[in-house]
Structures are given as structure tokens and as C-alpha cells.
């Protein structure tokens, strides 16, 4: 089968964005190689689907740049037996990546039309271990938990206890921690330490903050 321009762009993304930026997990690299990113963006963005920046989608969602997503997936250390929760399903690209790394994915979004369209797209690609469900992003989906890994696709200024409580004892949550008064975010991992959860900073990442995870303004007299 002849290579298409998208095949060439996908290989270039891996060779110039993913591998040079410390993504060495071959399972993660293979997931990017096998997932047609162009199928998960609007037609108007197909020609730029593989650029090294976040792509704005409908409903305040973003497709996070490949380098950042690759490093987050690697940091989660997802095993084939794991159950994973994805917060902010978007168009389904990250769910498609995750589907190749774990046993099952619960992808949550809060837009009816988006949920239905994303589920149809994944089903059409014969991805059978992903369920796209409607729910509040900050509440996750406890009834299908606990989860070995939770991934929030976007920046967060707050981290709800409701999400952390859905992790298994050794589970990890990955997101971009972005305080409201700073321009730069930190890719971070949350995990349990005794009775509490601790955050470990991984690397700097500038990803747009999800509206649902913005901190409420402090009350002023």
C-alpha cells in the first residue's frame, strides 16, 4: 500500500516530536504510529493534524500536542491489564491511543453530541475496549472504577478529591497542573502516599486549562 501524506506526517511526528523528547516506551510509540490523528480532527484541521502544538476542538476541548501526551502516557506506566479513566474525551484520539495500551478505557465527557459522535468514530475504527460516557469531568465515573490510571486531557487548577479517590492503591493520575497566576504549567503525577495524595512534577508543559477545572475566584471583602 502506497504511503499517503498523512502516513509521512505521522512518521515525521514520531521521529521529530516524540522520540527526541524522551519518549522511549516502544508500546507508547507504536500506539502513535498506528493511530491516524487526522481522523480525529475537523476537516479544516486535517492538514495540520501533526503539527507540534495543541489543536483547538469544539466545546473548549483541545488535542494536546503529541510530545506532551506521549510523555504523560509513558509516565503512567500503563500495563495491558490496566483499567484507565480518561477525563475529557474530546474527539477520541487519546482514547484510541490508550486502547492499545490497556484492557479497558472509560472516556468521560459532558457534551451529549460529542459523546455520541466520539463513540461512533471509535466503533467505526473497530476499537472495542473504549466506552465513551457522559458525566461531569470533575466527578469521573466511580461506578466503573477503581482505575489503575487516570488521565486528564488538559490543564487543571484544582484537583478534585472525587477523582483521586477512584484510583487503585498503586494507581496514578496524570494531568497538567497550571496555577491560575502562572503562564507555564507542570505535567504532573498524583499518587497515594499513606492516607494522602502527593503530586510529583515531571516537566513544564503549556496546555490550555479545562474550564471545569479552573479554580473559583477567592472571595474578597
N, C-alpha and C. Protein backbone atom coordinates (compact mmCIF):
# COMPACT_ATOMS: atom_id res chain seq x y z
N UNK A 1 0.85 -1.20 0.00
CA UNK A 1 0.00 0.00 0.00
C UNK A 1 0.88 1.25 0.00
N UNK A 2 0.59 2.15 -0.90
CA UNK A 2 1.39 3.36 -1.03
C UNK A 2 1.21 4.25 0.20
N UNK A 3 2.29 4.91 0.58
CA UNK A 3 2.22 5.85 1.69
C UNK A 3 1.43 7.09 1.30
N UNK A 4 0.60 7.56 2.21
CA UNK A 4 -0.11 8.82 1.99
C UNK A 4 0.66 9.94 2.67
N UNK A 5 0.25 11.17 2.39
CA UNK A 5 0.89 12.32 3.04
C UNK A 5 0.70 12.25 4.55
N UNK A 6 -0.42 11.67 5.01
CA UNK A 6 -0.66 11.54 6.44
C UNK A 6 0.27 10.49 7.05
N UNK A 7 0.54 9.40 6.33
CA UNK A 7 1.49 8.40 6.81
C UNK A 7 2.87 9.02 7.01
N UNK A 8 3.27 9.84 6.05
CA UNK A 8 4.57 10.51 6.12
C UNK A 8 4.60 11.48 7.29
N UNK A 9 3.50 12.24 7.45
CA UNK A 9 3.43 13.21 8.55
C UNK A 9 3.44 12.51 9.90
N UNK A 10 2.78 11.35 9.99
CA UNK A 10 2.74 10.60 11.25
C UNK A 10 4.14 10.12 11.62
N UNK A 11 4.87 9.61 10.64
CA UNK A 11 6.24 9.15 10.91
C UNK A 11 7.13 10.32 11.31
N UNK A 12 6.94 11.46 10.65
CA UNK A 12 7.73 12.65 10.98
C UNK A 12 7.43 13.11 12.40
N UNK A 13 6.15 13.02 12.82
CA UNK A 13 5.77 13.39 14.18
C UNK A 13 6.51 12.53 15.20
N UNK A 14 6.58 11.24 14.91
CA UNK A 14 7.27 10.32 15.83
C UNK A 14 8.76 10.60 15.86
N UNK A 15 9.36 10.81 14.69
CA UNK A 15 10.81 10.98 14.59
C UNK A 15 11.29 12.34 15.09
N UNK A 16 10.44 13.37 14.98
CA UNK A 16 10.89 14.73 15.32
C UNK A 16 10.28 15.28 16.60
N UNK A 17 9.13 14.74 17.02
CA UNK A 17 8.46 15.28 18.21
C UNK A 17 8.48 14.31 19.39
N UNK A 18 8.25 13.04 19.13
CA UNK A 18 8.05 12.08 20.21
C UNK A 18 9.37 11.45 20.68
N UNK A 19 10.07 10.79 19.79
CA UNK A 19 11.32 10.12 20.20
C UNK A 19 12.37 11.11 20.74
N UNK A 20 12.58 12.28 20.13
CA UNK A 20 13.61 13.19 20.66
C UNK A 20 13.25 13.79 22.02
N UNK A 21 12.02 13.63 22.46
CA UNK A 21 11.59 14.24 23.72
C UNK A 21 11.37 13.19 24.82
N UNK A 22 12.30 12.24 24.88
CA UNK A 22 12.40 11.29 25.99
C UNK A 22 11.29 10.26 26.05
N UNK A 23 10.54 10.08 24.96
CA UNK A 23 9.55 9.01 24.93
C UNK A 23 10.25 7.77 24.37
N UNK A 24 10.54 6.82 25.25
CA UNK A 24 11.30 5.64 24.85
C UNK A 24 10.50 4.35 25.02
N UNK A 25 9.30 4.45 25.56
CA UNK A 25 8.44 3.28 25.71
C UNK A 25 7.92 2.89 24.32
N UNK A 26 8.35 1.74 23.84
CA UNK A 26 8.01 1.34 22.47
C UNK A 26 6.51 1.08 22.30
N UNK A 27 5.83 0.68 23.36
CA UNK A 27 4.38 0.49 23.27
C UNK A 27 3.68 1.82 23.03
N UNK A 28 4.14 2.86 23.69
CA UNK A 28 3.57 4.20 23.50
C UNK A 28 3.87 4.70 22.09
N UNK A 29 5.09 4.53 21.65
CA UNK A 29 5.47 4.97 20.30
C UNK A 29 4.64 4.23 19.25
N UNK A 30 4.45 2.93 19.45
CA UNK A 30 3.67 2.14 18.49
C UNK A 30 2.22 2.60 18.44
N UNK A 31 1.67 3.00 19.58
CA UNK A 31 0.29 3.48 19.60
C UNK A 31 0.14 4.73 18.74
N UNK A 32 1.11 5.64 18.84
CA UNK A 32 1.08 6.84 17.99
C UNK A 32 1.23 6.47 16.52
N UNK A 33 2.08 5.50 16.24
CA UNK A 33 2.33 5.10 14.85
C UNK A 33 1.11 4.47 14.21
N UNK A 34 0.27 3.83 15.02
CA UNK A 34 -0.87 3.09 14.49
C UNK A 34 -2.19 3.86 14.55
N UNK A 35 -2.16 5.08 15.06
CA UNK A 35 -3.40 5.84 15.24
C UNK A 35 -3.44 7.03 14.30
N UNK A 36 -4.39 7.07 13.36
CA UNK A 36 -4.47 8.15 12.37
C UNK A 36 -5.02 9.44 12.99
N UNK A 37 -4.15 10.28 13.44
CA UNK A 37 -4.53 11.52 14.13
C UNK A 37 -5.47 12.38 13.28
N UNK A 38 -5.28 12.32 11.98
CA UNK A 38 -6.10 13.16 11.07
C UNK A 38 -7.58 12.79 11.11
N UNK A 39 -7.90 11.57 11.53
CA UNK A 39 -9.30 11.15 11.58
C UNK A 39 -10.04 11.73 12.78
N UNK A 40 -9.31 12.31 13.72
CA UNK A 40 -9.92 12.79 14.97
C UNK A 40 -9.98 14.30 15.06
N UNK A 41 -9.76 14.99 13.96
CA UNK A 41 -9.87 16.45 13.94
C UNK A 41 -10.88 16.86 12.88
N UNK A 42 -11.44 18.07 12.98
CA UNK A 42 -12.33 18.55 11.92
C UNK A 42 -11.61 18.60 10.58
N UNK A 43 -12.36 18.53 9.51
CA UNK A 43 -11.75 18.54 8.17
C UNK A 43 -10.86 19.76 7.97
N UNK A 44 -11.25 20.88 8.57
CA UNK A 44 -10.48 22.12 8.40
C UNK A 44 -9.10 22.04 9.05
N UNK A 45 -8.89 21.05 9.93
CA UNK A 45 -7.60 20.92 10.62
C UNK A 45 -6.79 19.70 10.18
N UNK A 46 -7.31 18.96 9.24
CA UNK A 46 -6.61 17.72 8.84
C UNK A 46 -5.20 17.98 8.34
N UNK A 47 -5.01 19.07 7.61
CA UNK A 47 -3.69 19.35 7.05
C UNK A 47 -2.67 19.74 8.11
N UNK A 48 -3.14 20.11 9.30
CA UNK A 48 -2.21 20.50 10.37
C UNK A 48 -2.33 19.54 11.56
N UNK A 49 -2.90 18.37 11.33
CA UNK A 49 -3.14 17.43 12.42
C UNK A 49 -1.86 17.01 13.14
N UNK A 50 -0.73 17.05 12.45
CA UNK A 50 0.51 16.55 13.03
C UNK A 50 1.49 17.64 13.45
N UNK A 51 1.05 18.88 13.50
CA UNK A 51 1.94 19.95 13.96
C UNK A 51 2.19 19.79 15.46
N UNK A 52 3.30 20.35 15.92
CA UNK A 52 3.69 20.17 17.32
C UNK A 52 3.12 21.28 18.20
N UNK A 53 1.80 21.33 18.26
CA UNK A 53 1.11 22.27 19.14
C UNK A 53 -0.28 21.74 19.42
N UNK A 54 -0.93 22.30 20.45
CA UNK A 54 -2.28 21.88 20.79
C UNK A 54 -3.25 22.35 19.70
N UNK A 55 -4.23 21.52 19.39
CA UNK A 55 -5.23 21.87 18.38
C UNK A 55 -6.57 22.11 19.06
N UNK A 56 -7.16 23.28 18.81
CA UNK A 56 -8.45 23.62 19.42
C UNK A 56 -9.57 22.85 18.75
N UNK A 57 -10.40 22.19 19.58
CA UNK A 57 -11.56 21.44 19.11
C UNK A 57 -12.82 22.13 19.60
N UNK A 58 -13.96 21.57 19.31
CA UNK A 58 -15.22 22.16 19.74
C UNK A 58 -15.42 21.97 21.24
N UNK A 59 -16.24 22.84 21.82
CA UNK A 59 -16.64 22.68 23.22
C UNK A 59 -15.55 22.93 24.23
N UNK A 60 -14.54 23.72 23.88
CA UNK A 60 -13.48 24.01 24.82
C UNK A 60 -12.48 22.90 25.01
N UNK A 61 -12.48 21.91 24.13
CA UNK A 61 -11.53 20.81 24.21
C UNK A 61 -10.32 21.08 23.31
N UNK A 62 -9.23 20.44 23.63
CA UNK A 62 -8.01 20.56 22.84
C UNK A 62 -7.41 19.18 22.61
N UNK A 63 -6.82 18.99 21.45
CA UNK A 63 -6.00 17.83 21.22
C UNK A 63 -4.59 18.22 21.64
N UNK A 64 -4.12 17.65 22.72
CA UNK A 64 -2.83 18.01 23.29
C UNK A 64 -1.71 17.58 22.35
N UNK A 65 -0.69 18.42 22.24
CA UNK A 65 0.41 18.10 21.33
C UNK A 65 1.02 16.74 21.66
N UNK A 66 1.49 16.08 20.63
CA UNK A 66 1.92 14.69 20.74
C UNK A 66 3.05 14.49 21.74
N UNK A 67 4.00 15.41 21.79
CA UNK A 67 5.14 15.24 22.69
C UNK A 67 4.67 15.20 24.14
N UNK A 68 3.78 16.12 24.51
CA UNK A 68 3.28 16.16 25.89
C UNK A 68 2.47 14.90 26.20
N UNK A 69 1.58 14.54 25.28
CA UNK A 69 0.76 13.36 25.52
C UNK A 69 1.61 12.09 25.61
N UNK A 70 2.60 11.98 24.75
CA UNK A 70 3.47 10.82 24.79
C UNK A 70 4.19 10.66 26.12
N UNK A 71 4.67 11.76 26.66
CA UNK A 71 5.38 11.70 27.93
C UNK A 71 4.43 11.40 29.09
N UNK A 72 3.20 11.91 29.01
CA UNK A 72 2.22 11.61 30.06
C UNK A 72 1.86 10.12 30.04
N UNK A 73 1.62 9.59 28.85
CA UNK A 73 1.28 8.17 28.74
C UNK A 73 2.42 7.29 29.26
N UNK A 74 3.63 7.67 28.93
CA UNK A 74 4.79 6.91 29.39
C UNK A 74 4.90 6.96 30.91
N UNK A 75 4.67 8.13 31.50
CA UNK A 75 4.79 8.29 32.95
C UNK A 75 3.76 7.48 33.71
N UNK A 76 2.60 7.24 33.09
CA UNK A 76 1.56 6.46 33.76
C UNK A 76 1.90 4.97 33.85
N UNK A 77 2.86 4.53 33.05
CA UNK A 77 3.30 3.12 33.07
C UNK A 77 2.11 2.16 32.95
N UNK A 78 1.34 2.34 31.91
CA UNK A 78 0.11 1.57 31.71
C UNK A 78 0.44 0.15 31.25
N UNK A 79 -0.13 -0.81 31.94
CA UNK A 79 0.07 -2.22 31.62
C UNK A 79 -1.12 -2.76 30.83
N UNK A 80 -0.93 -3.84 30.08
CA UNK A 80 -2.02 -4.42 29.28
C UNK A 80 -3.24 -4.81 30.10
N UNK A 81 -3.06 -5.07 31.38
CA UNK A 81 -4.18 -5.49 32.24
C UNK A 81 -4.91 -4.32 32.91
N UNK A 82 -4.43 -3.11 32.72
CA UNK A 82 -4.96 -1.96 33.45
C UNK A 82 -6.31 -1.47 32.94
N UNK A 83 -7.08 -0.90 33.84
CA UNK A 83 -8.30 -0.17 33.52
C UNK A 83 -7.98 1.32 33.68
N UNK A 84 -8.36 2.10 32.68
CA UNK A 84 -7.96 3.51 32.64
C UNK A 84 -9.19 4.40 32.50
N UNK A 85 -9.15 5.54 33.19
CA UNK A 85 -10.19 6.56 33.08
C UNK A 85 -9.60 7.76 32.37
N UNK A 86 -10.26 8.20 31.30
CA UNK A 86 -9.86 9.39 30.56
C UNK A 86 -10.88 10.49 30.80
N UNK A 87 -10.42 11.63 31.29
CA UNK A 87 -11.30 12.77 31.57
C UNK A 87 -11.14 13.79 30.45
N UNK A 88 -12.24 14.08 29.76
CA UNK A 88 -12.21 14.98 28.61
C UNK A 88 -11.96 14.19 27.35
N UNK A 89 -12.97 13.43 26.93
CA UNK A 89 -12.79 12.51 25.80
C UNK A 89 -12.48 13.21 24.49
N UNK A 90 -12.97 14.44 24.34
CA UNK A 90 -12.74 15.15 23.09
C UNK A 90 -13.27 14.37 21.90
N UNK A 91 -12.47 14.27 20.87
CA UNK A 91 -12.89 13.55 19.67
C UNK A 91 -12.49 12.09 19.70
N UNK A 92 -11.77 11.67 20.74
CA UNK A 92 -11.45 10.26 20.89
C UNK A 92 -10.03 9.85 20.56
N UNK A 93 -9.18 10.80 20.17
CA UNK A 93 -7.81 10.43 19.78
C UNK A 93 -7.03 9.80 20.93
N UNK A 94 -7.07 10.44 22.10
CA UNK A 94 -6.32 9.89 23.23
C UNK A 94 -6.92 8.57 23.69
N UNK A 95 -8.23 8.44 23.61
CA UNK A 95 -8.86 7.16 23.94
C UNK A 95 -8.37 6.07 23.00
N UNK A 96 -8.19 6.40 21.73
CA UNK A 96 -7.69 5.43 20.75
C UNK A 96 -6.25 5.03 21.08
N UNK A 97 -5.43 5.98 21.51
CA UNK A 97 -4.06 5.66 21.93
C UNK A 97 -4.09 4.73 23.14
N UNK A 98 -4.90 5.09 24.14
CA UNK A 98 -4.98 4.29 25.36
C UNK A 98 -5.48 2.88 25.09
N UNK A 99 -6.39 2.75 24.13
CA UNK A 99 -6.98 1.44 23.85
C UNK A 99 -5.94 0.40 23.48
N UNK A 100 -4.80 0.85 22.98
CA UNK A 100 -3.74 -0.07 22.57
C UNK A 100 -2.77 -0.40 23.71
N UNK A 101 -2.95 0.29 24.84
CA UNK A 101 -2.01 0.11 25.95
C UNK A 101 -2.61 -0.63 27.13
N UNK A 102 -3.94 -0.73 27.21
CA UNK A 102 -4.57 -1.27 28.42
C UNK A 102 -5.75 -2.19 28.07
N UNK A 103 -6.39 -2.71 29.11
CA UNK A 103 -7.51 -3.62 28.91
C UNK A 103 -8.80 -2.89 28.58
N UNK A 104 -9.06 -1.79 29.27
CA UNK A 104 -10.31 -1.06 29.04
C UNK A 104 -10.14 0.41 29.36
N UNK A 105 -10.90 1.23 28.64
CA UNK A 105 -10.87 2.68 28.83
C UNK A 105 -12.29 3.19 29.03
N UNK A 106 -12.49 3.97 30.09
CA UNK A 106 -13.71 4.73 30.27
C UNK A 106 -13.38 6.18 29.96
N UNK A 107 -13.97 6.72 28.92
CA UNK A 107 -13.70 8.09 28.50
C UNK A 107 -14.92 8.95 28.79
N UNK A 108 -14.75 9.98 29.61
CA UNK A 108 -15.86 10.79 30.07
C UNK A 108 -15.83 12.17 29.43
N UNK A 109 -17.00 12.61 28.98
CA UNK A 109 -17.16 13.99 28.52
C UNK A 109 -18.54 14.46 28.93
N UNK A 110 -18.77 15.76 28.86
CA UNK A 110 -20.04 16.29 29.34
C UNK A 110 -20.91 16.88 28.24
N UNK A 111 -20.61 16.53 27.00
CA UNK A 111 -21.39 17.05 25.87
C UNK A 111 -22.08 15.88 25.17
N UNK A 112 -23.41 15.92 25.13
CA UNK A 112 -24.18 14.82 24.53
C UNK A 112 -23.75 14.52 23.11
N UNK A 113 -23.74 15.55 22.27
CA UNK A 113 -23.41 15.35 20.86
C UNK A 113 -21.98 14.83 20.70
N UNK A 114 -21.06 15.38 21.51
CA UNK A 114 -19.67 14.96 21.43
C UNK A 114 -19.49 13.51 21.83
N UNK A 115 -20.18 13.10 22.88
CA UNK A 115 -20.08 11.72 23.36
C UNK A 115 -20.55 10.75 22.30
N UNK A 116 -21.69 11.01 21.70
CA UNK A 116 -22.24 10.12 20.67
C UNK A 116 -21.34 10.05 19.45
N UNK A 117 -20.85 11.21 19.02
CA UNK A 117 -20.01 11.25 17.82
C UNK A 117 -18.68 10.53 18.05
N UNK A 118 -18.11 10.72 19.22
CA UNK A 118 -16.84 10.07 19.53
C UNK A 118 -17.00 8.56 19.62
N UNK A 119 -18.07 8.10 20.25
CA UNK A 119 -18.31 6.65 20.35
C UNK A 119 -18.50 6.05 18.96
N UNK A 120 -19.22 6.74 18.08
CA UNK A 120 -19.43 6.25 16.72
C UNK A 120 -18.11 6.17 15.95
N UNK A 121 -17.25 7.17 16.13
CA UNK A 121 -15.97 7.18 15.43
C UNK A 121 -15.10 6.01 15.89
N UNK A 122 -15.03 5.79 17.19
CA UNK A 122 -14.21 4.70 17.71
C UNK A 122 -14.77 3.34 17.29
N UNK A 123 -16.09 3.21 17.31
CA UNK A 123 -16.71 1.96 16.89
C UNK A 123 -16.44 1.69 15.41
N UNK A 124 -16.48 2.76 14.61
CA UNK A 124 -16.21 2.61 13.18
C UNK A 124 -14.79 2.17 12.90
N UNK A 125 -13.88 2.45 13.84
CA UNK A 125 -12.49 2.03 13.70
C UNK A 125 -12.25 0.68 14.38
N UNK A 126 -13.34 0.04 14.82
CA UNK A 126 -13.30 -1.28 15.46
C UNK A 126 -12.46 -1.29 16.73
N UNK A 127 -12.57 -0.20 17.48
CA UNK A 127 -11.94 -0.11 18.80
C UNK A 127 -12.99 -0.50 19.81
N UNK A 128 -12.88 -1.69 20.36
CA UNK A 128 -13.97 -2.24 21.17
C UNK A 128 -13.78 -2.16 22.67
N UNK A 129 -12.63 -1.69 23.14
CA UNK A 129 -12.40 -1.66 24.59
C UNK A 129 -12.48 -0.26 25.18
N UNK A 130 -13.18 0.64 24.48
CA UNK A 130 -13.39 2.00 24.96
C UNK A 130 -14.89 2.27 25.07
N UNK A 131 -15.30 2.79 26.23
CA UNK A 131 -16.69 3.25 26.41
C UNK A 131 -16.65 4.75 26.64
N UNK A 132 -17.36 5.50 25.79
CA UNK A 132 -17.43 6.95 25.93
C UNK A 132 -18.75 7.28 26.63
N UNK A 133 -18.66 7.91 27.79
CA UNK A 133 -19.83 8.14 28.63
C UNK A 133 -19.98 9.60 28.99
N UNK A 134 -21.22 10.02 29.18
CA UNK A 134 -21.50 11.40 29.58
C UNK A 134 -21.44 11.51 31.10
N UNK A 135 -20.78 12.55 31.57
CA UNK A 135 -20.70 12.79 33.01
C UNK A 135 -19.94 14.06 33.29
N UNK A 136 -19.95 14.48 34.54
CA UNK A 136 -19.20 15.67 34.94
C UNK A 136 -17.71 15.32 35.00
N UNK A 137 -16.91 16.14 34.37
CA UNK A 137 -15.49 15.84 34.30
C UNK A 137 -14.86 15.75 35.69
N UNK A 138 -15.28 16.62 36.58
CA UNK A 138 -14.68 16.66 37.91
C UNK A 138 -15.11 15.50 38.80
N UNK A 139 -16.10 14.72 38.33
CA UNK A 139 -16.59 13.60 39.15
C UNK A 139 -16.11 12.25 38.64
N UNK A 140 -15.54 12.20 37.45
CA UNK A 140 -15.07 10.94 36.90
C UNK A 140 -16.20 9.97 36.65
N UNK A 141 -15.98 8.70 36.92
CA UNK A 141 -17.01 7.67 36.72
C UNK A 141 -16.76 6.54 37.71
N UNK A 142 -17.12 6.79 38.95
CA UNK A 142 -16.77 5.89 40.05
C UNK A 142 -17.35 4.50 39.90
N UNK A 143 -18.52 4.38 39.29
CA UNK A 143 -19.18 3.07 39.21
C UNK A 143 -18.40 2.06 38.39
N UNK A 144 -17.48 2.52 37.52
CA UNK A 144 -16.66 1.62 36.72
C UNK A 144 -15.26 1.47 37.28
N UNK A 145 -14.97 2.14 38.40
CA UNK A 145 -13.65 2.10 39.00
C UNK A 145 -13.50 0.93 39.96
N UNK A 146 -12.38 0.85 40.67
CA UNK A 146 -11.29 1.83 40.64
C UNK A 146 -10.41 1.65 39.40
N UNK A 147 -9.57 2.66 39.17
CA UNK A 147 -8.75 2.69 37.96
C UNK A 147 -7.27 2.62 38.30
N UNK A 148 -6.53 1.91 37.46
CA UNK A 148 -5.08 1.84 37.63
C UNK A 148 -4.41 3.12 37.17
N UNK A 149 -5.07 3.84 36.26
CA UNK A 149 -4.53 5.11 35.78
C UNK A 149 -5.69 6.02 35.40
N UNK A 150 -5.50 7.30 35.69
CA UNK A 150 -6.47 8.33 35.27
C UNK A 150 -5.68 9.40 34.53
N UNK A 151 -6.19 9.81 33.38
CA UNK A 151 -5.55 10.85 32.57
C UNK A 151 -6.55 11.97 32.32
N UNK A 152 -6.18 13.18 32.66
CA UNK A 152 -7.00 14.36 32.37
C UNK A 152 -6.38 15.05 31.17
N UNK A 153 -7.15 15.16 30.09
CA UNK A 153 -6.59 15.75 28.86
C UNK A 153 -6.79 17.26 28.87
N UNK A 154 -5.87 17.94 29.53
CA UNK A 154 -5.93 19.40 29.62
C UNK A 154 -5.32 19.88 30.91
N UNK A 155 -5.30 21.21 31.07
CA UNK A 155 -4.75 21.80 32.27
C UNK A 155 -5.77 21.84 33.40
N UNK A 156 -5.27 21.79 34.63
CA UNK A 156 -6.14 21.85 35.80
C UNK A 156 -5.56 22.83 36.82
N UNK A 157 -6.44 23.60 37.42
CA UNK A 157 -6.04 24.49 38.51
C UNK A 157 -6.44 23.92 39.87
N UNK A 158 -7.34 22.96 39.84
CA UNK A 158 -7.76 22.26 41.06
C UNK A 158 -7.77 20.77 40.77
N UNK A 159 -7.59 19.96 41.82
CA UNK A 159 -7.65 18.52 41.66
C UNK A 159 -8.70 17.95 42.62
N UNK A 160 -9.87 17.59 42.11
CA UNK A 160 -10.96 17.11 42.96
C UNK A 160 -10.61 15.80 43.67
N UNK A 161 -10.94 15.73 44.93
CA UNK A 161 -10.76 14.50 45.70
C UNK A 161 -11.57 13.37 45.08
N UNK A 162 -12.71 13.71 44.45
CA UNK A 162 -13.58 12.69 43.85
C UNK A 162 -12.85 11.90 42.77
N UNK A 163 -11.91 12.52 42.07
CA UNK A 163 -11.15 11.81 41.05
C UNK A 163 -10.04 10.97 41.68
N UNK A 164 -9.30 11.56 42.59
CA UNK A 164 -8.20 10.84 43.22
C UNK A 164 -8.70 9.59 43.95
N UNK A 165 -9.89 9.67 44.52
CA UNK A 165 -10.43 8.54 45.28
C UNK A 165 -10.79 7.36 44.39
N UNK A 166 -10.80 7.56 43.06
CA UNK A 166 -11.13 6.47 42.15
C UNK A 166 -9.90 5.69 41.67
N UNK A 167 -8.74 6.03 42.20
CA UNK A 167 -7.52 5.30 41.87
C UNK A 167 -7.40 4.04 42.72
N UNK A 168 -6.77 3.02 42.17
CA UNK A 168 -6.40 1.86 42.96
C UNK A 168 -5.29 2.26 43.93
N UNK A 169 -4.93 1.37 44.83
CA UNK A 169 -3.91 1.70 45.83
C UNK A 169 -2.59 2.13 45.21
N UNK A 170 -2.24 1.53 44.07
CA UNK A 170 -0.99 1.88 43.40
C UNK A 170 -1.21 2.69 42.12
N UNK A 171 -2.42 3.23 41.97
CA UNK A 171 -2.76 3.95 40.75
C UNK A 171 -2.11 5.32 40.66
N UNK A 172 -2.11 5.87 39.44
CA UNK A 172 -1.53 7.19 39.19
C UNK A 172 -2.50 8.03 38.37
N UNK A 173 -2.51 9.31 38.64
CA UNK A 173 -3.29 10.26 37.85
C UNK A 173 -2.33 11.24 37.20
N UNK A 174 -2.50 11.49 35.90
CA UNK A 174 -1.65 12.42 35.17
C UNK A 174 -2.47 13.58 34.63
N UNK A 175 -1.93 14.77 34.76
CA UNK A 175 -2.58 15.98 34.24
C UNK A 175 -1.54 17.09 34.19
N UNK A 176 -1.93 18.21 33.58
CA UNK A 176 -1.08 19.39 33.56
C UNK A 176 -1.55 20.33 34.67
N UNK A 177 -0.76 20.48 35.71
CA UNK A 177 -1.08 21.36 36.82
C UNK A 177 -0.71 22.78 36.42
N UNK A 178 -1.72 23.65 36.46
CA UNK A 178 -1.49 25.01 35.98
C UNK A 178 -2.17 25.99 36.92
N UNK A 179 -1.42 26.58 37.82
CA UNK A 179 -1.99 27.54 38.74
C UNK A 179 -2.45 28.78 37.97
N UNK A 180 -3.52 29.40 38.45
CA UNK A 180 -4.19 30.47 37.72
C UNK A 180 -3.30 31.69 37.49
N UNK A 181 -2.30 31.89 38.33
CA UNK A 181 -1.47 33.09 38.21
C UNK A 181 -0.14 32.81 37.50
N UNK A 182 -0.02 31.66 36.86
CA UNK A 182 1.21 31.33 36.15
C UNK A 182 0.93 31.01 34.69
N UNK A 183 1.85 31.37 33.83
CA UNK A 183 1.68 31.10 32.40
C UNK A 183 2.10 29.69 32.04
N UNK A 184 3.05 29.13 32.77
CA UNK A 184 3.57 27.81 32.47
C UNK A 184 2.93 26.75 33.36
N UNK A 185 2.63 25.61 32.78
CA UNK A 185 2.08 24.52 33.56
C UNK A 185 3.13 23.46 33.84
N UNK A 186 2.78 22.50 34.69
CA UNK A 186 3.69 21.41 35.02
C UNK A 186 2.97 20.08 34.78
N UNK A 187 3.49 19.28 33.88
CA UNK A 187 2.98 17.92 33.75
C UNK A 187 3.28 17.21 35.06
N UNK A 188 2.26 16.59 35.64
CA UNK A 188 2.40 16.05 36.99
C UNK A 188 1.73 14.70 37.14
N UNK A 189 2.21 13.95 38.13
CA UNK A 189 1.61 12.68 38.52
C UNK A 189 1.14 12.78 39.97
N UNK A 190 -0.08 12.34 40.22
CA UNK A 190 -0.60 12.23 41.58
C UNK A 190 -0.66 10.75 41.95
N UNK A 191 -0.24 10.42 43.15
CA UNK A 191 -0.33 9.05 43.63
C UNK A 191 -0.54 9.07 45.14
N UNK A 192 -0.92 7.91 45.68
CA UNK A 192 -1.24 7.84 47.09
C UNK A 192 0.03 7.66 47.92
N UNK A 193 0.08 8.38 49.04
CA UNK A 193 1.18 8.26 50.00
C UNK A 193 0.55 8.22 51.38
N UNK A 194 0.40 7.02 51.93
CA UNK A 194 -0.31 6.89 53.20
C UNK A 194 -1.78 7.18 53.01
N UNK A 195 -2.29 8.10 53.80
CA UNK A 195 -3.70 8.48 53.70
C UNK A 195 -3.91 9.68 52.80
N UNK A 196 -2.85 10.22 52.23
CA UNK A 196 -2.94 11.41 51.40
C UNK A 196 -2.48 11.13 49.97
N UNK A 197 -2.64 12.13 49.11
CA UNK A 197 -2.15 12.06 47.75
C UNK A 197 -1.06 13.11 47.56
N UNK A 198 -0.02 12.76 46.83
CA UNK A 198 1.08 13.69 46.57
C UNK A 198 1.20 13.92 45.07
N UNK A 199 1.65 15.11 44.73
CA UNK A 199 1.86 15.47 43.32
C UNK A 199 3.36 15.54 43.04
N UNK A 200 3.76 14.90 41.96
CA UNK A 200 5.16 14.96 41.54
C UNK A 200 5.26 15.63 40.17
N UNK A 201 6.05 16.69 40.10
CA UNK A 201 6.22 17.42 38.84
C UNK A 201 7.15 16.64 37.92
N UNK A 202 6.77 16.58 36.62
CA UNK A 202 7.55 15.83 35.64
C UNK A 202 8.32 16.74 34.69
N UNK A 203 7.63 17.69 34.08
CA UNK A 203 8.25 18.59 33.13
C UNK A 203 7.30 19.77 32.88
N UNK A 204 7.82 20.84 32.32
CA UNK A 204 6.99 22.00 32.00
C UNK A 204 6.16 21.73 30.75
N UNK A 205 4.93 22.19 30.78
CA UNK A 205 4.04 22.00 29.62
C UNK A 205 2.99 23.10 29.62
N UNK A 206 2.81 23.73 28.49
CA UNK A 206 1.85 24.81 28.38
C UNK A 206 0.62 24.32 27.62
N UNK A 207 -0.36 23.83 28.37
CA UNK A 207 -1.59 23.28 27.81
C UNK A 207 -2.77 24.08 28.34
N UNK A 208 -3.76 24.41 27.48
CA UNK A 208 -4.91 25.18 27.95
C UNK A 208 -5.64 24.50 29.10
N UNK A 209 -6.12 25.31 30.03
CA UNK A 209 -6.84 24.79 31.20
C UNK A 209 -8.28 24.45 30.82
N UNK A 210 -8.74 23.29 31.27
CA UNK A 210 -10.13 22.91 31.08
C UNK A 210 -11.02 23.78 31.97
N UNK A 211 -12.09 24.31 31.40
CA UNK A 211 -12.97 25.20 32.14
C UNK A 211 -13.46 24.58 33.44
N UNK A 212 -13.77 23.30 33.39
CA UNK A 212 -14.32 22.60 34.56
C UNK A 212 -13.32 22.49 35.71
N UNK A 213 -12.05 22.69 35.42
CA UNK A 213 -11.02 22.55 36.45
C UNK A 213 -10.36 23.88 36.81
N UNK A 214 -11.02 24.97 36.47
CA UNK A 214 -10.49 26.27 36.88
C UNK A 214 -10.85 26.54 38.34
N UNK A 215 -9.93 27.16 39.05
CA UNK A 215 -10.16 27.47 40.46
C UNK A 215 -11.19 28.58 40.58
N UNK A 216 -12.04 28.48 41.59
CA UNK A 216 -13.02 29.53 41.83
C UNK A 216 -12.32 30.75 42.38
N UNK A 217 -12.72 31.96 41.94
CA UNK A 217 -12.10 33.19 42.44
C UNK A 217 -12.23 33.28 43.95
N UNK A 218 -11.15 33.71 44.59
CA UNK A 218 -11.16 33.87 46.05
C UNK A 218 -12.11 35.00 46.44
N UNK A 219 -12.84 34.78 47.52
CA UNK A 219 -13.79 35.81 47.98
C UNK A 219 -13.01 37.00 48.54
N UNK A 220 -13.41 38.19 48.14
CA UNK A 220 -12.76 39.39 48.62
C UNK A 220 -13.80 40.31 49.30
N UNK A 221 -13.39 40.87 50.44
CA UNK A 221 -14.28 41.79 51.15
C UNK A 221 -14.30 43.15 50.45
